[in-house]
N, C-alpha and C. Protein backbone atom coordinates (compact mmCIF):
# COMPACT_ATOMS: atom_id res chain seq x y z
N MET A 1 -7.55 16.50 -7.04
CA MET A 1 -6.12 16.36 -7.15
C MET A 1 -5.81 15.08 -7.92
N GLU A 2 -4.86 15.14 -8.81
CA GLU A 2 -4.46 13.98 -9.60
C GLU A 2 -3.23 13.33 -8.96
N ILE A 3 -3.28 12.01 -8.82
CA ILE A 3 -2.15 11.26 -8.26
C ILE A 3 -1.46 10.53 -9.42
N SER A 4 -0.16 10.64 -9.51
CA SER A 4 0.61 10.03 -10.59
C SER A 4 0.54 8.51 -10.53
N ASP A 5 0.54 7.87 -11.71
CA ASP A 5 0.61 6.41 -11.80
C ASP A 5 1.95 5.90 -11.30
N LYS A 6 2.93 6.78 -11.17
CA LYS A 6 4.27 6.39 -10.72
C LYS A 6 4.39 6.37 -9.20
N LEU A 7 3.28 6.65 -8.49
CA LEU A 7 3.29 6.65 -7.02
C LEU A 7 3.71 5.28 -6.51
N LEU A 8 4.75 5.23 -5.70
CA LEU A 8 5.26 3.98 -5.15
C LEU A 8 4.69 3.67 -3.78
N CYS A 9 4.48 4.68 -2.98
CA CYS A 9 3.93 4.47 -1.65
C CYS A 9 3.28 5.76 -1.16
N LEU A 10 2.43 5.61 -0.17
CA LEU A 10 1.73 6.76 0.40
C LEU A 10 1.59 6.51 1.89
N PHE A 11 2.03 7.46 2.69
CA PHE A 11 1.90 7.34 4.14
C PHE A 11 1.85 8.72 4.74
N SER A 12 1.40 8.80 5.98
CA SER A 12 1.37 10.07 6.70
C SER A 12 2.47 10.07 7.74
N GLU A 13 3.12 11.21 7.88
CA GLU A 13 4.22 11.31 8.84
C GLU A 13 4.40 12.78 9.20
N ARG A 14 4.79 13.04 10.43
CA ARG A 14 5.08 14.40 10.86
C ARG A 14 6.50 14.77 10.46
N ILE A 15 6.70 16.04 10.15
CA ILE A 15 8.04 16.55 9.89
C ILE A 15 8.61 17.00 11.22
N ARG A 16 9.86 16.61 11.50
CA ARG A 16 10.47 17.04 12.75
C ARG A 16 11.82 17.69 12.47
N SER A 17 12.20 18.59 13.35
CA SER A 17 13.47 19.29 13.22
C SER A 17 14.54 18.47 13.93
N GLU A 18 15.70 18.34 13.26
CA GLU A 18 16.79 17.57 13.85
C GLU A 18 18.12 18.16 13.39
N ASP A 19 18.86 18.75 14.30
CA ASP A 19 20.18 19.30 14.02
C ASP A 19 20.21 20.24 12.81
N GLY A 20 19.27 21.15 12.75
CA GLY A 20 19.26 22.14 11.67
C GLY A 20 18.67 21.67 10.35
N THR A 21 18.16 20.44 10.31
CA THR A 21 17.48 19.94 9.12
C THR A 21 16.09 19.46 9.52
N TYR A 22 15.29 19.12 8.54
CA TYR A 22 13.95 18.60 8.79
C TYR A 22 13.88 17.17 8.27
N VAL A 23 13.25 16.31 9.06
CA VAL A 23 13.26 14.88 8.78
C VAL A 23 11.84 14.34 8.65
N ILE A 24 11.64 13.51 7.64
CA ILE A 24 10.40 12.74 7.48
C ILE A 24 10.83 11.28 7.47
N GLU A 25 10.35 10.50 8.42
CA GLU A 25 10.73 9.09 8.48
C GLU A 25 9.84 8.26 7.57
N VAL A 26 10.45 7.31 6.87
CA VAL A 26 9.72 6.38 6.01
C VAL A 26 9.42 5.13 6.83
N PRO A 27 8.15 4.72 6.90
CA PRO A 27 7.81 3.53 7.68
C PRO A 27 8.53 2.28 7.17
N GLN A 28 8.94 1.44 8.08
CA GLN A 28 9.67 0.22 7.75
C GLN A 28 8.88 -0.66 6.79
N ARG A 29 7.54 -0.68 6.92
CA ARG A 29 6.72 -1.55 6.06
C ARG A 29 6.89 -1.21 4.59
N GLU A 30 7.21 0.07 4.26
CA GLU A 30 7.39 0.45 2.85
C GLU A 30 8.64 -0.19 2.27
N ILE A 31 9.65 -0.38 3.10
CA ILE A 31 10.86 -1.07 2.67
C ILE A 31 10.59 -2.57 2.58
N GLU A 32 9.92 -3.11 3.61
CA GLU A 32 9.65 -4.56 3.66
C GLU A 32 8.76 -5.04 2.53
N THR A 33 7.81 -4.21 2.07
CA THR A 33 6.93 -4.63 0.98
C THR A 33 7.59 -4.49 -0.38
N GLY A 34 8.78 -3.90 -0.40
CA GLY A 34 9.50 -3.75 -1.66
C GLY A 34 9.07 -2.52 -2.45
N SER A 35 8.27 -1.65 -1.84
CA SER A 35 7.83 -0.44 -2.54
C SER A 35 9.01 0.46 -2.88
N ILE A 36 9.91 0.57 -1.92
CA ILE A 36 11.07 1.45 -2.11
C ILE A 36 12.32 0.78 -1.56
N ASP A 37 13.48 1.27 -2.00
CA ASP A 37 14.77 0.72 -1.60
C ASP A 37 15.52 1.81 -0.82
N PRO A 38 16.04 1.49 0.36
CA PRO A 38 16.71 2.53 1.17
C PRO A 38 17.97 3.09 0.52
N ASP A 39 18.51 2.45 -0.50
CA ASP A 39 19.74 2.93 -1.14
C ASP A 39 19.48 3.76 -2.39
N GLU A 40 18.21 4.08 -2.67
CA GLU A 40 17.85 4.84 -3.87
C GLU A 40 17.43 6.26 -3.49
N THR A 41 17.36 7.12 -4.49
CA THR A 41 16.88 8.49 -4.31
C THR A 41 15.50 8.60 -4.96
N TYR A 42 14.56 9.27 -4.30
CA TYR A 42 13.19 9.38 -4.77
C TYR A 42 12.74 10.83 -4.75
N ARG A 43 11.80 11.16 -5.61
CA ARG A 43 11.14 12.46 -5.55
C ARG A 43 10.04 12.34 -4.49
N VAL A 44 9.87 13.39 -3.70
CA VAL A 44 8.90 13.37 -2.62
C VAL A 44 7.89 14.49 -2.86
N ALA A 45 6.62 14.15 -2.73
CA ALA A 45 5.55 15.15 -2.83
C ALA A 45 4.88 15.24 -1.47
N LEU A 46 4.58 16.43 -1.03
CA LEU A 46 3.90 16.62 0.24
C LEU A 46 2.49 17.12 -0.04
N ILE A 47 1.52 16.50 0.59
CA ILE A 47 0.13 16.86 0.41
C ILE A 47 -0.40 17.31 1.76
N SER A 48 -0.97 18.50 1.80
CA SER A 48 -1.47 18.99 3.09
C SER A 48 -2.73 18.23 3.49
N ARG A 49 -2.90 18.11 4.79
CA ARG A 49 -4.14 17.53 5.32
C ARG A 49 -5.15 18.64 5.32
N GLU A 50 -6.25 18.45 4.64
CA GLU A 50 -7.29 19.46 4.62
C GLU A 50 -8.19 19.26 5.83
N ARG A 51 -8.49 20.37 6.50
CA ARG A 51 -9.36 20.31 7.67
C ARG A 51 -10.57 21.19 7.41
N SER A 52 -11.70 20.72 7.83
CA SER A 52 -12.92 21.50 7.69
C SER A 52 -12.90 22.63 8.70
N ALA A 53 -13.25 23.84 8.26
CA ALA A 53 -13.28 24.99 9.17
C ALA A 53 -14.37 24.85 10.22
N SER A 54 -15.36 24.00 9.97
CA SER A 54 -16.47 23.87 10.90
C SER A 54 -16.20 22.91 12.05
N THR A 55 -15.12 22.14 11.98
CA THR A 55 -14.80 21.22 13.07
C THR A 55 -13.80 21.86 14.01
N ASP A 56 -14.01 21.65 15.31
CA ASP A 56 -13.04 22.20 16.24
C ASP A 56 -11.86 21.25 16.37
N SER A 57 -10.78 21.69 17.00
CA SER A 57 -9.55 20.91 17.03
C SER A 57 -9.70 19.57 17.76
N ASP A 58 -10.55 19.50 18.78
CA ASP A 58 -10.73 18.23 19.48
C ASP A 58 -11.36 17.19 18.57
N GLU A 59 -12.37 17.58 17.81
CA GLU A 59 -13.01 16.63 16.89
C GLU A 59 -12.04 16.22 15.80
N THR A 60 -11.25 17.16 15.30
CA THR A 60 -10.31 16.86 14.24
C THR A 60 -9.32 15.79 14.68
N GLU A 61 -8.82 15.92 15.89
CA GLU A 61 -7.85 14.94 16.39
C GLU A 61 -8.45 13.53 16.45
N THR A 62 -9.71 13.39 16.86
CA THR A 62 -10.30 12.07 16.97
C THR A 62 -10.69 11.50 15.61
N GLU A 63 -10.90 12.37 14.63
CA GLU A 63 -11.29 11.90 13.31
C GLU A 63 -10.11 11.71 12.37
N THR A 64 -8.94 12.21 12.73
CA THR A 64 -7.77 12.09 11.87
C THR A 64 -7.37 10.63 11.76
N PRO A 65 -7.23 10.11 10.53
CA PRO A 65 -6.84 8.72 10.38
C PRO A 65 -5.42 8.50 10.89
N SER A 66 -5.13 7.26 11.24
CA SER A 66 -3.79 6.94 11.72
C SER A 66 -2.79 7.14 10.59
N SER A 67 -1.50 7.09 10.93
CA SER A 67 -0.47 7.26 9.91
C SER A 67 -0.38 6.05 8.99
N GLU A 68 -1.10 4.99 9.31
CA GLU A 68 -1.12 3.81 8.46
C GLU A 68 -1.98 4.07 7.23
N PRO A 69 -1.43 3.87 6.02
CA PRO A 69 -2.28 4.01 4.84
C PRO A 69 -3.25 2.84 4.79
N GLN A 70 -4.40 3.07 4.22
CA GLN A 70 -5.38 2.01 4.09
C GLN A 70 -4.99 1.07 2.96
N PRO A 71 -5.28 -0.23 3.09
CA PRO A 71 -4.97 -1.16 2.00
C PRO A 71 -5.69 -0.73 0.73
N PRO A 72 -5.06 -0.95 -0.44
CA PRO A 72 -5.67 -0.53 -1.70
C PRO A 72 -6.72 -1.50 -2.22
N VAL A 73 -7.07 -2.52 -1.44
CA VAL A 73 -8.09 -3.50 -1.83
C VAL A 73 -9.08 -3.69 -0.70
N GLU A 74 -10.25 -4.24 -1.05
CA GLU A 74 -11.27 -4.54 -0.05
C GLU A 74 -11.72 -5.98 -0.22
N ALA A 75 -12.17 -6.61 0.86
CA ALA A 75 -12.71 -7.97 0.79
C ALA A 75 -13.88 -7.99 -0.19
N GLY A 76 -13.91 -9.01 -1.04
CA GLY A 76 -14.97 -9.15 -2.02
C GLY A 76 -14.65 -8.50 -3.36
N GLU A 77 -13.60 -7.70 -3.40
CA GLU A 77 -13.21 -7.01 -4.64
C GLU A 77 -12.63 -8.01 -5.64
N ILE A 78 -12.94 -7.80 -6.91
CA ILE A 78 -12.40 -8.64 -7.99
C ILE A 78 -11.22 -7.89 -8.60
N ARG A 79 -10.10 -8.59 -8.79
CA ARG A 79 -8.89 -8.00 -9.37
C ARG A 79 -8.31 -8.94 -10.42
N TYR A 80 -7.64 -8.35 -11.39
CA TYR A 80 -6.84 -9.09 -12.35
C TYR A 80 -5.40 -8.83 -11.98
N VAL A 81 -4.63 -9.88 -11.69
CA VAL A 81 -3.25 -9.70 -11.24
C VAL A 81 -2.31 -10.65 -11.98
N GLU A 82 -1.05 -10.28 -11.98
CA GLU A 82 -0.01 -11.16 -12.51
C GLU A 82 0.86 -11.62 -11.36
N ILE A 83 1.10 -12.91 -11.30
CA ILE A 83 1.90 -13.49 -10.21
C ILE A 83 3.37 -13.23 -10.50
N GLU A 84 4.02 -12.52 -9.58
CA GLU A 84 5.41 -12.10 -9.76
C GLU A 84 6.42 -12.97 -9.03
N ASP A 85 5.95 -13.68 -8.01
CA ASP A 85 6.88 -14.39 -7.14
C ASP A 85 6.14 -15.52 -6.44
N ILE A 86 6.88 -16.38 -5.78
CA ILE A 86 6.30 -17.46 -4.98
C ILE A 86 6.75 -17.26 -3.54
N GLY A 87 5.82 -17.30 -2.60
CA GLY A 87 6.12 -17.10 -1.19
C GLY A 87 6.76 -18.33 -0.57
N LYS A 88 7.15 -18.22 0.69
CA LYS A 88 7.81 -19.30 1.41
C LYS A 88 6.96 -20.56 1.53
N GLN A 89 5.62 -20.39 1.56
CA GLN A 89 4.72 -21.55 1.65
C GLN A 89 4.26 -22.04 0.27
N GLY A 90 4.84 -21.48 -0.80
CA GLY A 90 4.51 -21.93 -2.14
C GLY A 90 3.34 -21.22 -2.80
N ASP A 91 2.81 -20.19 -2.15
CA ASP A 91 1.69 -19.44 -2.72
C ASP A 91 2.20 -18.38 -3.68
N GLY A 92 1.37 -18.04 -4.67
CA GLY A 92 1.70 -16.98 -5.60
C GLY A 92 1.65 -15.63 -4.92
N ILE A 93 2.51 -14.72 -5.38
CA ILE A 93 2.57 -13.36 -4.83
C ILE A 93 2.35 -12.38 -5.99
N ALA A 94 1.36 -11.51 -5.82
CA ALA A 94 1.13 -10.42 -6.78
C ALA A 94 1.29 -9.11 -6.02
N ARG A 95 1.69 -8.07 -6.72
CA ARG A 95 1.81 -6.75 -6.10
C ARG A 95 0.93 -5.77 -6.87
N VAL A 96 0.24 -4.92 -6.12
CA VAL A 96 -0.63 -3.92 -6.73
C VAL A 96 -0.16 -2.54 -6.28
N GLU A 97 -1.03 -1.58 -6.18
CA GLU A 97 -0.65 -0.22 -5.83
C GLU A 97 0.27 -0.16 -4.62
N ARG A 98 1.29 0.73 -4.73
CA ARG A 98 2.26 0.97 -3.65
C ARG A 98 3.00 -0.28 -3.21
N GLY A 99 3.06 -1.31 -4.06
CA GLY A 99 3.77 -2.54 -3.70
C GLY A 99 3.01 -3.43 -2.75
N TYR A 100 1.73 -3.14 -2.52
CA TYR A 100 0.90 -3.93 -1.62
C TYR A 100 0.82 -5.37 -2.13
N VAL A 101 1.02 -6.33 -1.24
CA VAL A 101 1.11 -7.75 -1.60
C VAL A 101 -0.25 -8.45 -1.50
N ILE A 102 -0.54 -9.24 -2.54
CA ILE A 102 -1.71 -10.12 -2.51
C ILE A 102 -1.19 -11.55 -2.66
N ILE A 103 -1.51 -12.39 -1.69
CA ILE A 103 -1.12 -13.81 -1.71
C ILE A 103 -2.22 -14.58 -2.43
N VAL A 104 -1.81 -15.38 -3.42
CA VAL A 104 -2.77 -16.13 -4.23
C VAL A 104 -2.40 -17.62 -4.19
N PRO A 105 -3.02 -18.39 -3.28
CA PRO A 105 -2.71 -19.82 -3.21
C PRO A 105 -3.02 -20.52 -4.54
N GLY A 106 -2.13 -21.42 -4.93
CA GLY A 106 -2.33 -22.21 -6.15
C GLY A 106 -1.89 -21.55 -7.43
N ALA A 107 -1.34 -20.35 -7.35
CA ALA A 107 -0.90 -19.65 -8.56
C ALA A 107 0.60 -19.83 -8.77
N GLU A 108 1.01 -19.74 -10.03
CA GLU A 108 2.41 -19.91 -10.40
C GLU A 108 2.98 -18.60 -10.96
N ILE A 109 4.29 -18.43 -10.89
CA ILE A 109 4.95 -17.24 -11.43
C ILE A 109 4.59 -17.08 -12.91
N GLY A 110 4.26 -15.85 -13.28
CA GLY A 110 3.94 -15.53 -14.66
C GLY A 110 2.47 -15.68 -15.01
N GLU A 111 1.70 -16.36 -14.18
CA GLU A 111 0.27 -16.52 -14.45
C GLU A 111 -0.43 -15.18 -14.29
N ARG A 112 -1.42 -14.94 -15.15
CA ARG A 112 -2.31 -13.78 -15.00
C ARG A 112 -3.66 -14.37 -14.65
N VAL A 113 -4.17 -13.99 -13.49
CA VAL A 113 -5.40 -14.60 -12.98
C VAL A 113 -6.39 -13.54 -12.51
N LYS A 114 -7.65 -13.92 -12.56
CA LYS A 114 -8.73 -13.10 -12.00
C LYS A 114 -8.97 -13.65 -10.60
N ILE A 115 -8.93 -12.76 -9.59
CA ILE A 115 -9.08 -13.21 -8.21
C ILE A 115 -10.17 -12.42 -7.50
N GLU A 116 -10.66 -13.02 -6.43
CA GLU A 116 -11.53 -12.32 -5.50
C GLU A 116 -10.77 -12.18 -4.20
N ILE A 117 -10.72 -10.97 -3.66
CA ILE A 117 -10.03 -10.73 -2.39
C ILE A 117 -10.88 -11.33 -1.27
N THR A 118 -10.28 -12.26 -0.51
CA THR A 118 -11.03 -12.94 0.55
C THR A 118 -10.65 -12.47 1.95
N GLU A 119 -9.45 -11.90 2.09
CA GLU A 119 -8.99 -11.45 3.40
C GLU A 119 -8.08 -10.24 3.20
N VAL A 120 -8.25 -9.23 4.03
CA VAL A 120 -7.45 -8.01 3.91
C VAL A 120 -6.81 -7.69 5.26
N LYS A 121 -5.50 -7.53 5.24
CA LYS A 121 -4.73 -7.11 6.42
C LYS A 121 -4.05 -5.79 6.07
N SER A 122 -3.41 -5.16 7.04
CA SER A 122 -2.79 -3.86 6.78
C SER A 122 -1.65 -3.95 5.76
N ASN A 123 -0.90 -5.05 5.75
CA ASN A 123 0.24 -5.13 4.84
C ASN A 123 0.14 -6.21 3.77
N PHE A 124 -0.95 -6.96 3.73
CA PHE A 124 -1.14 -7.93 2.65
C PHE A 124 -2.61 -8.34 2.59
N ALA A 125 -2.96 -8.98 1.49
CA ALA A 125 -4.31 -9.53 1.33
C ALA A 125 -4.18 -10.93 0.77
N VAL A 126 -5.26 -11.69 0.83
CA VAL A 126 -5.31 -13.02 0.25
C VAL A 126 -6.40 -13.01 -0.81
N GLY A 127 -6.09 -13.58 -1.96
CA GLY A 127 -7.06 -13.64 -3.04
C GLY A 127 -7.25 -15.07 -3.52
N GLU A 128 -8.47 -15.39 -3.89
CA GLU A 128 -8.80 -16.73 -4.40
C GLU A 128 -8.99 -16.65 -5.91
N ILE A 129 -8.36 -17.56 -6.64
CA ILE A 129 -8.48 -17.57 -8.10
C ILE A 129 -9.92 -17.91 -8.48
N ILE A 130 -10.51 -17.07 -9.34
CA ILE A 130 -11.87 -17.37 -9.85
C ILE A 130 -11.85 -17.58 -11.36
N ASP A 131 -10.74 -17.20 -12.03
CA ASP A 131 -10.60 -17.45 -13.48
C ASP A 131 -9.13 -17.41 -13.83
N GLU A 132 -8.66 -18.47 -14.47
CA GLU A 132 -7.24 -18.53 -14.86
C GLU A 132 -7.02 -18.06 -16.27
N ASP A 133 -8.05 -17.90 -17.05
CA ASP A 133 -7.92 -17.51 -18.45
C ASP A 133 -8.61 -16.18 -18.69
N PHE A 134 -7.84 -15.10 -18.69
CA PHE A 134 -8.48 -13.81 -19.02
C PHE A 134 -7.66 -13.05 -20.03
């Protein structure tokens, strides 16, 4: 399956019936990370969860990942990023896939830097500058 480069966010959510309509809730973290704006209209794509026919329903439930999407980076990964903003503590802020935030201490707005991801959390990561000239 091909995923569009225009993908803003990705999450899992159940569809529920409410007063004759069907509702999919958008997690608050998608708004907080700046991926999407609650006052805008977006195209929505639904992707079915594929299940192996050889697994029984009990195993499937225990193996199903949580509704939290996995961070798009891993510790030790090297990335090239552009610093878009400065955080409250003065650290550089870069955004990558789905608006995921990478905090880069010592970076300035507009800098393009090569970083190594040193810490990964569900809603942000920390990267250390390893090259300022790329």
